[in-house]
Amino acid sequence: MNSRERLLATLEHQPTDRIPTDFNGTCWTGITASALYHLRQCLGMETPVRTYDVYESLGIVDEAVANELKSDVWQIPTPVPLLNIACLMEQTKKSWKSYALEDGIPVWIPKDFYPERELNGDLCLRDQEDRRFALLKRGTHMFLPLTQGPGAMRMSPQELAEARENRHPLLGCPKDETYLNLLKVGVKMLSQTSDKALVMNVSPSLSFFAGLGRGNAGGWLEWLAGEDGGAGRLLQSWLETWLAELEQILEVTENALDVLVLQDDFSEVVQPEEETLIREKILPCYAAGIRKIREKNGRGKILWQSRGNVTPYIPALLDAGVEALGLVDLSPLRMNPLWIKKEYGRQLTLWGGCCSAEELQSISEENLLKKLRETVEILQDGGGYIHALSGNILPQTPPENIVTFFSPRGGIN
């Protein structure tokens, strides 16, 4: 079987020649640039690393590394604020410049990335209007947004439309003509030349819960629960915007995407009444998007990824048409992959679930092998399991652990 056949068969719970693997197939199963630098050293490859998603500090994985770790998927890139995605098609110094990460690792970054060093050593990003919108604190590797989301700010649909028209980077990246043309060419080429399954994040630029509620998720939930109708109008406006963008993406990719990813972050949802709001207000928005996908790409599979405890929403996700569940958060108080496998394993494919990024950073190789052999045996029983790390590989992760995680020695055969 080739990679695409292997992954699609797994999503149908059909027999395969081995367990399919995902290394860097989604923006939550990727690898930080520092970790990729050390991994390339470990594999005896040249060490220059490019990072396009400078906000998450994620490295761009080339085909050589993906093949070395036997990854069966290929991630279709999406835009990030303030950076020209065309640089991904141009690998020369015309579009890239050398840069040192906070831990000293040398990388290449897009030429239009200009962080500003503040007096306390933090790095700040400003938009075209010189507004501070993201901050990387000393000793960390990710830029965090500085302002609240539209729902947390109780924006009106008109204010939201104006912010998008002004291309405020905190609202994400509209899928403009330049990107859509690059997407059409790139996906067509990959579908003809690669046997890997093509995976793309088609979520809205701001997720319906964590994005719109960023910075004050409780306030956003309180507004959603209110009776003045303002939150509902904002939600509907954002849904219409997403469905229009989604239709454009599905038109230009021409039924070539194998897996379409939807993401949100429910880690701040802790009360039963909040879970009810998510089921009644937020998940129907994603269900509408899945219906749109089904209209345009009947063969594509839906992967749901979420931080936080997604267990209460699994029945609703299944009803909406989700076929795979990305297990990102393995905190014992949040997600229990073995229980999910037992209860829903015949209906859902589990995408990851045997090890978190935090654990991979500190576990010994001996204990990692033991954990993999025990857990993978359970998760792959009866099919419906894709081997992936739960979370992006962190900067200080030993490269030997990364190799071991994707090795047949860990039960991946």
Protein backbone atom coordinates (compact mmCIF):
# COMPACT_ATOMS: atom_id res chain seq x y z
CA MET A 1 0.00 0.00 0.00
CA ASN A 2 1.13 3.55 -0.55
CA SER A 3 0.72 6.25 2.09
CA ARG A 4 -2.57 7.64 0.83
CA GLU A 5 -4.13 4.19 0.53
CA ARG A 6 -2.87 3.23 3.99
CA LEU A 7 -4.26 6.32 5.71
CA LEU A 8 -7.63 6.27 3.94
CA ALA A 9 -8.05 2.56 4.68
CA THR A 10 -7.39 3.24 8.35
CA LEU A 11 -10.00 5.99 8.38
CA GLU A 12 -12.44 3.39 7.01
CA HIS A 13 -11.32 0.87 9.68
CA GLN A 14 -10.00 -1.42 6.94
CA PRO A 15 -6.86 -3.65 7.25
CA THR A 16 -3.50 -2.07 6.33
CA ASP A 17 0.05 -3.31 5.89
CA ARG A 18 1.18 -1.18 8.87
CA ILE A 19 -0.07 1.57 11.17
CA PRO A 20 -0.07 4.91 9.29
CA THR A 21 1.92 7.72 10.88
CA ASP A 22 1.63 11.49 10.96
CA PHE A 23 4.75 13.58 11.38
CA ASN A 24 3.98 17.26 10.74
CA GLY A 25 0.68 16.49 9.05
CA THR A 26 -1.23 19.16 10.99
CA CYS A 27 -0.34 22.38 12.79
CA TRP A 28 -0.82 20.52 16.11
CA THR A 29 1.33 17.51 15.17
CA GLY A 30 4.32 19.47 13.90
CA ILE A 31 7.77 20.24 15.24
CA THR A 32 9.37 23.43 16.51
CA ALA A 33 12.27 24.78 14.49
CA SER A 34 14.79 24.16 17.29
CA ALA A 35 13.75 20.53 17.64
CA LEU A 36 13.87 20.06 13.87
CA TYR A 37 17.40 21.50 13.79
CA HIS A 38 18.60 18.91 16.31
CA LEU A 39 16.64 16.13 14.59
CA ARG A 40 18.33 16.87 11.28
CA GLN A 41 21.69 16.72 13.04
CA CYS A 42 20.76 13.35 14.54
CA LEU A 43 19.75 12.02 11.12
CA GLY A 44 23.01 13.21 9.54
CA MET A 45 21.29 15.80 7.35
CA GLU A 46 22.24 19.40 6.65
CA THR A 47 20.94 21.55 9.46
CA PRO A 48 19.46 24.75 7.90
CA VAL A 49 15.82 24.96 8.96
CA ARG A 50 13.11 27.24 7.60
CA THR A 51 10.21 28.44 9.71
CA TYR A 52 7.20 30.05 8.10
CA ASP A 53 4.85 29.90 11.09
CA VAL A 54 7.04 32.19 13.18
CA TYR A 55 4.27 32.65 15.75
CA GLU A 56 4.38 28.99 16.80
CA SER A 57 8.07 28.71 15.79
CA LEU A 58 7.33 25.62 13.71
CA GLY A 59 9.92 24.22 11.33
CA ILE A 60 9.15 23.36 7.72
CA VAL A 61 9.60 19.61 7.29
CA ASP A 62 10.99 18.58 3.92
CA GLU A 63 10.38 15.31 2.13
CA ALA A 64 13.67 13.76 3.25
CA VAL A 65 12.82 14.08 6.96
CA ALA A 66 9.20 13.05 6.43
CA ASN A 67 10.31 9.91 4.59
CA GLU A 68 12.94 9.08 7.19
CA LEU A 69 10.23 9.01 9.86
CA LYS A 70 7.84 7.20 7.49
CA SER A 71 5.16 9.86 7.64
CA ASP A 72 2.12 9.07 5.50
CA VAL A 73 0.73 12.61 5.34
CA TRP A 74 1.62 15.94 3.81
CA GLN A 75 0.39 19.19 5.31
CA ILE A 76 -0.90 21.86 2.94
CA PRO A 77 0.31 25.20 4.38
CA THR A 78 -2.07 28.01 5.26
CA PRO A 79 -1.25 31.72 5.61
CA VAL A 80 -0.12 33.37 8.84
CA PRO A 81 -0.66 37.09 9.56
CA LEU A 82 1.64 39.68 7.99
CA LEU A 83 3.73 37.15 6.06
CA ASN A 84 3.62 36.47 2.32
CA ILE A 85 2.88 32.80 1.78
CA ALA A 86 4.46 33.03 -1.68
CA CYS A 87 7.85 32.71 0.02
CA LEU A 88 7.09 29.00 0.46
CA MET A 89 7.31 28.67 -3.32
CA GLU A 90 10.55 30.66 -3.47
CA GLN A 91 13.44 28.96 -1.66
CA THR A 92 16.14 31.57 -2.41
CA LYS A 93 17.43 34.51 -0.40
CA LYS A 94 15.01 36.67 -2.35
CA SER A 95 12.26 35.71 0.09
CA TRP A 96 14.15 34.46 3.18
CA LYS A 97 16.73 35.81 5.62
CA SER A 98 18.91 34.28 8.32
CA TYR A 99 17.81 34.64 11.92
CA ALA A 100 18.69 33.30 15.37
CA LEU A 101 15.91 31.95 17.58
CA GLU A 102 15.83 32.85 21.27
CA ASP A 103 17.79 29.68 22.10
CA GLY A 104 20.46 30.57 19.53
CA ILE A 105 19.42 28.06 16.87
CA PRO A 106 20.08 29.47 13.36
CA VAL A 107 17.11 29.36 10.99
CA TRP A 108 15.75 30.98 7.86
CA ILE A 109 12.62 33.11 8.26
CA PRO A 110 10.52 35.12 5.77
CA LYS A 111 12.04 38.49 4.94
CA ASP A 112 8.88 40.34 5.95
CA PHE A 113 9.11 39.16 9.57
CA TYR A 114 10.31 42.03 11.79
CA PRO A 115 10.11 41.42 15.54
CA GLU A 116 10.97 44.31 17.85
CA ARG A 117 13.10 43.82 20.96
CA GLU A 118 11.60 45.53 24.01
CA LEU A 119 13.60 46.88 26.96
CA ASN A 120 12.88 43.83 29.13
CA GLY A 121 14.09 41.45 26.43
CA ASP A 122 10.68 40.34 25.16
CA LEU A 123 9.97 40.34 21.43
CA CYS A 124 6.99 42.29 20.13
CA LEU A 125 5.25 42.17 16.75
CA ARG A 126 3.50 45.17 15.26
CA ASP A 127 1.11 45.36 12.34
CA GLN A 128 1.05 47.80 9.41
CA GLU A 129 -0.56 50.42 11.65
CA ASP A 130 2.22 50.05 14.25
CA ARG A 131 -0.16 48.36 16.70
CA ARG A 132 1.30 45.84 19.16
CA PHE A 133 -0.50 42.59 18.54
CA ALA A 134 1.73 39.68 19.67
CA LEU A 135 4.46 39.12 22.25
CA LEU A 136 7.12 36.47 22.79
CA LYS A 137 8.29 36.52 26.39
CA ARG A 138 11.89 35.78 27.27
CA GLY A 139 12.57 32.07 27.70
CA THR A 140 9.57 30.97 25.60
CA HIS A 141 9.24 30.03 21.93
CA MET A 142 5.72 31.16 20.95
CA PHE A 143 4.21 34.57 20.26
CA LEU A 144 0.96 35.17 22.16
CA PRO A 145 -1.75 37.64 21.06
CA LEU A 146 -2.10 40.84 23.06
CA THR A 147 -5.72 41.79 22.46
CA GLN A 148 -9.04 40.06 22.96
CA GLY A 149 -11.04 38.33 20.28
CA PRO A 150 -14.14 39.91 18.70
CA GLY A 151 -16.57 37.91 20.86
CA ALA A 152 -14.70 38.68 24.06
CA MET A 153 -14.81 42.37 23.07
CA ARG A 154 -18.51 42.11 22.18
CA MET A 155 -17.97 43.49 18.71
CA SER A 156 -20.91 44.06 16.44
CA PRO A 157 -20.94 42.39 13.00
CA GLN A 158 -20.26 45.80 11.49
CA GLU A 159 -17.18 46.33 13.66
CA LEU A 160 -15.98 42.84 12.79
CA ALA A 161 -16.40 43.55 9.07
CA GLU A 162 -14.44 46.80 9.40
CA ALA A 163 -11.61 45.04 11.24
CA ARG A 164 -11.41 42.43 8.48
CA GLU A 165 -11.47 45.09 5.79
CA ASN A 166 -8.50 46.75 7.51
CA ARG A 167 -6.80 43.31 7.60
CA HIS A 168 -6.15 43.42 11.31
CA PRO A 169 -3.70 40.51 11.87
CA LEU A 170 -5.46 39.38 15.03
CA LEU A 171 -8.40 38.31 12.86
CA GLY A 172 -6.24 35.86 10.92
CA CYS A 173 -5.66 35.82 7.18
CA PRO A 174 -8.40 36.19 4.58
CA LYS A 175 -7.88 33.68 1.75
CA ASP A 176 -7.00 36.19 -0.97
CA GLU A 177 -6.50 35.56 -4.69
CA THR A 178 -2.73 35.17 -4.37
CA TYR A 179 -3.08 32.39 -1.83
CA LEU A 180 -5.90 30.65 -3.68
CA ASN A 181 -3.84 30.56 -6.88
CA LEU A 182 -0.84 29.12 -5.03
CA LEU A 183 -3.11 26.61 -3.31
CA LYS A 184 -4.62 25.45 -6.61
CA VAL A 185 -1.23 24.90 -8.23
CA GLY A 186 0.36 23.31 -5.17
CA VAL A 187 -2.43 20.85 -4.39
CA LYS A 188 -2.76 19.78 -8.02
CA MET A 189 0.98 19.14 -8.26
CA LEU A 190 1.11 17.18 -4.99
CA SER A 191 -1.94 15.09 -5.85
CA GLN A 192 -0.19 14.01 -9.07
CA THR A 193 3.37 13.57 -7.80
CA SER A 194 3.08 12.40 -4.18
CA ASP A 195 1.52 9.27 -2.75
CA LYS A 196 1.12 10.87 0.69
CA ALA A 197 -2.33 11.78 1.98
CA LEU A 198 -2.94 15.52 1.63
CA VAL A 199 -4.08 17.16 4.87
CA MET A 200 -5.25 20.75 5.24
CA ASN A 201 -6.58 22.86 8.08
CA VAL A 202 -9.80 24.44 6.80
CA SER A 203 -10.91 25.94 10.12
CA PRO A 204 -12.01 29.58 10.23
CA SER A 205 -9.24 32.13 10.70
CA LEU A 206 -10.50 32.51 14.27
CA SER A 207 -12.09 29.48 15.88
CA PHE A 208 -15.71 29.96 16.96
CA PHE A 209 -14.94 29.56 20.63
CA ALA A 210 -11.30 30.12 21.54
CA GLY A 211 -10.63 32.56 18.69
CA LEU A 212 -13.68 34.76 19.02
CA GLY A 213 -13.38 34.50 22.81
CA ARG A 214 -9.61 34.93 23.03
CA GLY A 215 -8.49 36.75 26.16
CA ASN A 216 -11.86 36.50 27.89
CA ALA A 217 -13.44 33.16 27.10
CA GLY A 218 -15.71 33.45 30.12
CA GLY A 219 -17.03 36.78 28.90
CA TRP A 220 -17.69 35.35 25.45
CA LEU A 221 -19.62 32.44 26.99
CA GLU A 222 -21.59 34.81 29.19
CA TRP A 223 -22.54 36.88 26.15
CA LEU A 224 -23.51 33.73 24.22
CA ALA A 225 -25.80 32.75 27.08
CA GLY A 226 -27.44 36.18 27.19
CA GLU A 227 -30.71 37.22 25.62
CA ASP A 228 -29.84 40.43 23.76
CA GLY A 229 -28.98 38.54 20.53
CA GLY A 230 -25.72 40.40 19.90
CA ALA A 231 -23.51 37.35 20.31
CA GLY A 232 -25.73 35.33 17.98
CA ARG A 233 -25.49 37.98 15.27
CA LEU A 234 -21.70 38.11 15.59
CA LEU A 235 -21.50 34.31 15.46
CA GLN A 236 -23.72 34.17 12.38
CA SER A 237 -21.67 36.86 10.66
CA TRP A 238 -18.44 34.96 11.31
CA LEU A 239 -20.04 31.70 10.16
CA GLU A 240 -21.07 33.27 6.86
CA THR A 241 -17.55 34.61 6.37
CA TRP A 242 -16.04 31.19 7.01
CA LEU A 243 -18.47 29.33 4.74
CA ALA A 244 -17.65 31.72 1.89
CA GLU A 245 -13.89 31.18 2.37
CA LEU A 246 -14.40 27.44 2.75
CA GLU A 247 -16.25 27.29 -0.55
CA GLN A 248 -13.34 29.08 -2.27
CA ILE A 249 -10.83 26.61 -0.82
CA LEU A 250 -12.90 23.60 -1.86
CA GLU A 251 -13.35 24.99 -5.37
CA VAL A 252 -9.63 25.43 -6.04
CA THR A 253 -8.54 22.15 -4.42
CA GLU A 254 -10.94 20.24 -6.68
CA ASN A 255 -11.69 17.25 -4.46
CA ALA A 256 -7.97 16.48 -4.00
CA LEU A 257 -7.77 16.90 -0.21
CA ASP A 258 -7.80 13.60 1.65
CA VAL A 259 -8.23 14.94 5.20
CA LEU A 260 -9.76 18.28 6.17
CA VAL A 261 -8.96 19.49 9.68
CA LEU A 262 -11.21 21.50 11.99
CA GLN A 263 -9.76 22.91 15.21
CA ASP A 264 -10.83 24.73 18.36
CA ASP A 265 -9.57 24.98 21.92
CA PHE A 266 -11.94 24.10 24.75
CA SER A 267 -9.32 24.04 27.51
CA GLU A 268 -11.05 26.93 29.30
CA VAL A 269 -14.43 25.18 29.34
CA VAL A 270 -14.87 23.51 32.72
CA GLN A 271 -18.50 23.83 33.86
CA PRO A 272 -21.42 21.65 32.66
CA GLU A 273 -23.44 24.73 31.68
CA GLU A 274 -20.49 25.91 29.54
CA GLU A 275 -20.33 22.52 27.83
CA THR A 276 -24.03 22.88 27.02
CA LEU A 277 -23.36 26.25 25.39
CA ILE A 278 -20.61 24.71 23.26
CA ARG A 279 -22.95 21.97 22.08
CA GLU A 280 -25.84 24.33 21.39
CA LYS A 281 -24.05 27.38 19.99
CA ILE A 282 -20.54 26.49 18.77
CA LEU A 283 -20.68 22.96 17.37
CA PRO A 284 -23.59 23.74 15.00
CA CYS A 285 -21.27 26.23 13.25
CA TYR A 286 -18.76 23.47 12.58
CA ALA A 287 -21.58 21.16 11.49
CA ALA A 288 -22.56 23.75 8.87
CA GLY A 289 -18.96 23.76 7.61
CA ILE A 290 -18.92 19.96 7.40
CA ARG A 291 -22.09 20.06 5.30
CA LYS A 292 -20.36 22.51 2.97
CA ILE A 293 -17.35 20.18 2.72
CA ARG A 294 -19.60 17.26 1.90
CA GLU A 295 -21.18 19.24 -0.93
CA LYS A 296 -17.81 20.03 -2.52
CA ASN A 297 -15.51 17.18 -1.45
CA GLY A 298 -17.48 14.02 -0.86
CA ARG A 299 -14.38 11.85 -0.46
CA GLY A 300 -12.48 13.97 2.08
CA LYS A 301 -12.38 12.81 5.70
CA ILE A 302 -12.98 15.15 8.64
CA LEU A 303 -10.42 15.30 11.45
CA TRP A 304 -11.42 17.18 14.60
CA GLN A 305 -8.62 18.49 16.82
CA SER A 306 -9.13 20.26 20.11
CA ARG A 307 -7.24 21.10 23.23
CA GLY A 308 -9.15 20.60 26.43
CA ASN A 309 -11.67 17.90 27.25
CA VAL A 310 -13.46 17.02 24.02
CA THR A 311 -15.08 13.88 25.47
CA PRO A 312 -18.49 15.52 26.24
CA TYR A 313 -18.78 16.59 22.59
CA ILE A 314 -17.96 13.30 20.87
CA PRO A 315 -21.60 12.29 20.22
CA ALA A 316 -22.33 15.69 18.66
CA LEU A 317 -19.14 15.52 16.56
CA LEU A 318 -20.11 12.09 15.29
CA ASP A 319 -23.57 13.37 14.39
CA ALA A 320 -21.96 16.26 12.50
CA GLY A 321 -19.87 13.87 10.41
CA VAL A 322 -16.46 13.87 12.11
CA GLU A 323 -14.54 10.67 11.28
CA ALA A 324 -11.25 11.13 13.15
CA LEU A 325 -10.42 12.64 16.52
CA GLY A 326 -7.05 14.28 17.07
CA LEU A 327 -6.01 13.72 20.68
CA VAL A 328 -4.00 16.84 21.47
CA ASP A 329 -4.41 17.14 25.22
CA LEU A 330 -3.61 13.94 27.14
CA SER A 331 -3.95 15.37 30.65
CA PRO A 332 -5.57 12.63 32.79
CA LEU A 333 -8.19 15.15 33.88
CA ARG A 334 -9.07 15.96 30.28
CA MET A 335 -8.69 13.13 27.78
CA ASN A 336 -8.39 9.38 28.28
CA PRO A 337 -7.54 7.87 24.88
CA LEU A 338 -7.96 4.28 26.08
CA TRP A 339 -11.50 5.01 27.30
CA ILE A 340 -12.32 6.84 24.05
CA LYS A 341 -11.00 3.86 22.08
CA LYS A 342 -13.17 1.48 24.09
CA GLU A 343 -16.34 3.58 23.79
CA TYR A 344 -16.03 5.04 20.29
CA GLY A 345 -13.27 3.07 18.56
CA ARG A 346 -15.65 1.52 16.02
CA GLN A 347 -17.00 4.91 14.97
CA LEU A 348 -13.93 7.13 15.26
CA THR A 349 -10.35 6.88 14.11
CA LEU A 350 -7.99 8.08 16.84
CA TRP A 351 -5.30 10.41 15.53
CA GLY A 352 -2.58 10.18 18.19
CA GLY A 353 -3.12 9.41 21.85
CA CYS A 354 -0.18 7.39 23.15
CA CYS A 355 2.24 10.19 24.11
CA SER A 356 2.15 13.95 24.59
CA ALA A 357 4.75 16.45 23.44
CA GLU A 358 5.52 17.32 27.06
CA GLU A 359 6.14 13.67 27.95
CA LEU A 360 8.30 13.06 24.89
CA GLN A 361 10.56 15.91 26.00
CA SER A 362 11.45 14.28 29.33
CA ILE A 363 10.85 10.53 29.16
CA SER A 364 13.76 8.10 28.95
CA GLU A 365 14.11 6.02 25.80
CA GLU A 366 13.55 2.81 27.78
CA ASN A 367 10.30 4.07 29.31
CA LEU A 368 9.20 5.50 25.98
CA LEU A 369 9.60 2.14 24.27
CA LYS A 370 7.67 0.42 27.06
CA LYS A 371 4.85 2.98 26.89
CA LEU A 372 4.61 2.76 23.12
CA ARG A 373 4.47 -1.01 23.01
CA GLU A 374 1.75 -1.14 25.63
CA THR A 375 -0.38 1.75 24.40
CA VAL A 376 -0.11 1.29 20.64
CA GLU A 377 -1.23 -2.34 20.98
CA ILE A 378 -4.47 -1.17 22.56
CA LEU A 379 -5.09 1.83 20.29
CA GLN A 380 -4.51 -0.06 17.05
CA ASP A 381 -6.67 -3.03 18.04
CA GLY A 382 -9.38 -3.40 15.42
CA GLY A 383 -7.86 -0.64 13.27
CA GLY A 384 -8.80 3.00 13.32
CA TYR A 385 -5.56 4.37 14.78
CA ILE A 386 -3.07 6.83 13.23
CA HIS A 387 0.24 7.15 15.05
CA ALA A 388 0.97 10.79 15.89
CA LEU A 389 2.36 12.78 18.75
CA SER A 390 -0.20 14.70 20.77
CA GLY A 391 1.03 18.26 20.33
CA ASN A 392 3.91 19.93 18.50
CA ILE A 393 7.39 18.61 19.33
CA LEU A 394 8.97 21.03 21.83
CA PRO A 395 12.40 22.70 21.45
CA GLN A 396 14.29 20.66 24.07
CA THR A 397 13.02 17.24 22.95
CA PRO A 398 15.90 14.76 22.49
CA PRO A 399 16.05 13.86 18.79
CA GLU A 400 16.61 10.23 19.74
CA ASN A 401 13.16 10.22 21.38
CA ILE A 402 11.60 11.55 18.18
CA VAL A 403 13.22 8.80 16.12
CA THR A 404 12.19 6.17 18.67
CA PHE A 405 8.59 7.40 18.72
CA PHE A 406 8.22 6.77 14.98
CA SER A 407 10.34 3.61 14.96
CA PRO A 408 9.07 0.05 14.44
CA ARG A 409 10.76 -0.72 17.76
CA GLY A 410 7.90 1.15 19.42
CA GLY A 411 5.28 -1.12 17.90
CA ILE A 412 4.74 0.89 14.70
CA ASN A 413 4.80 -1.90 12.14
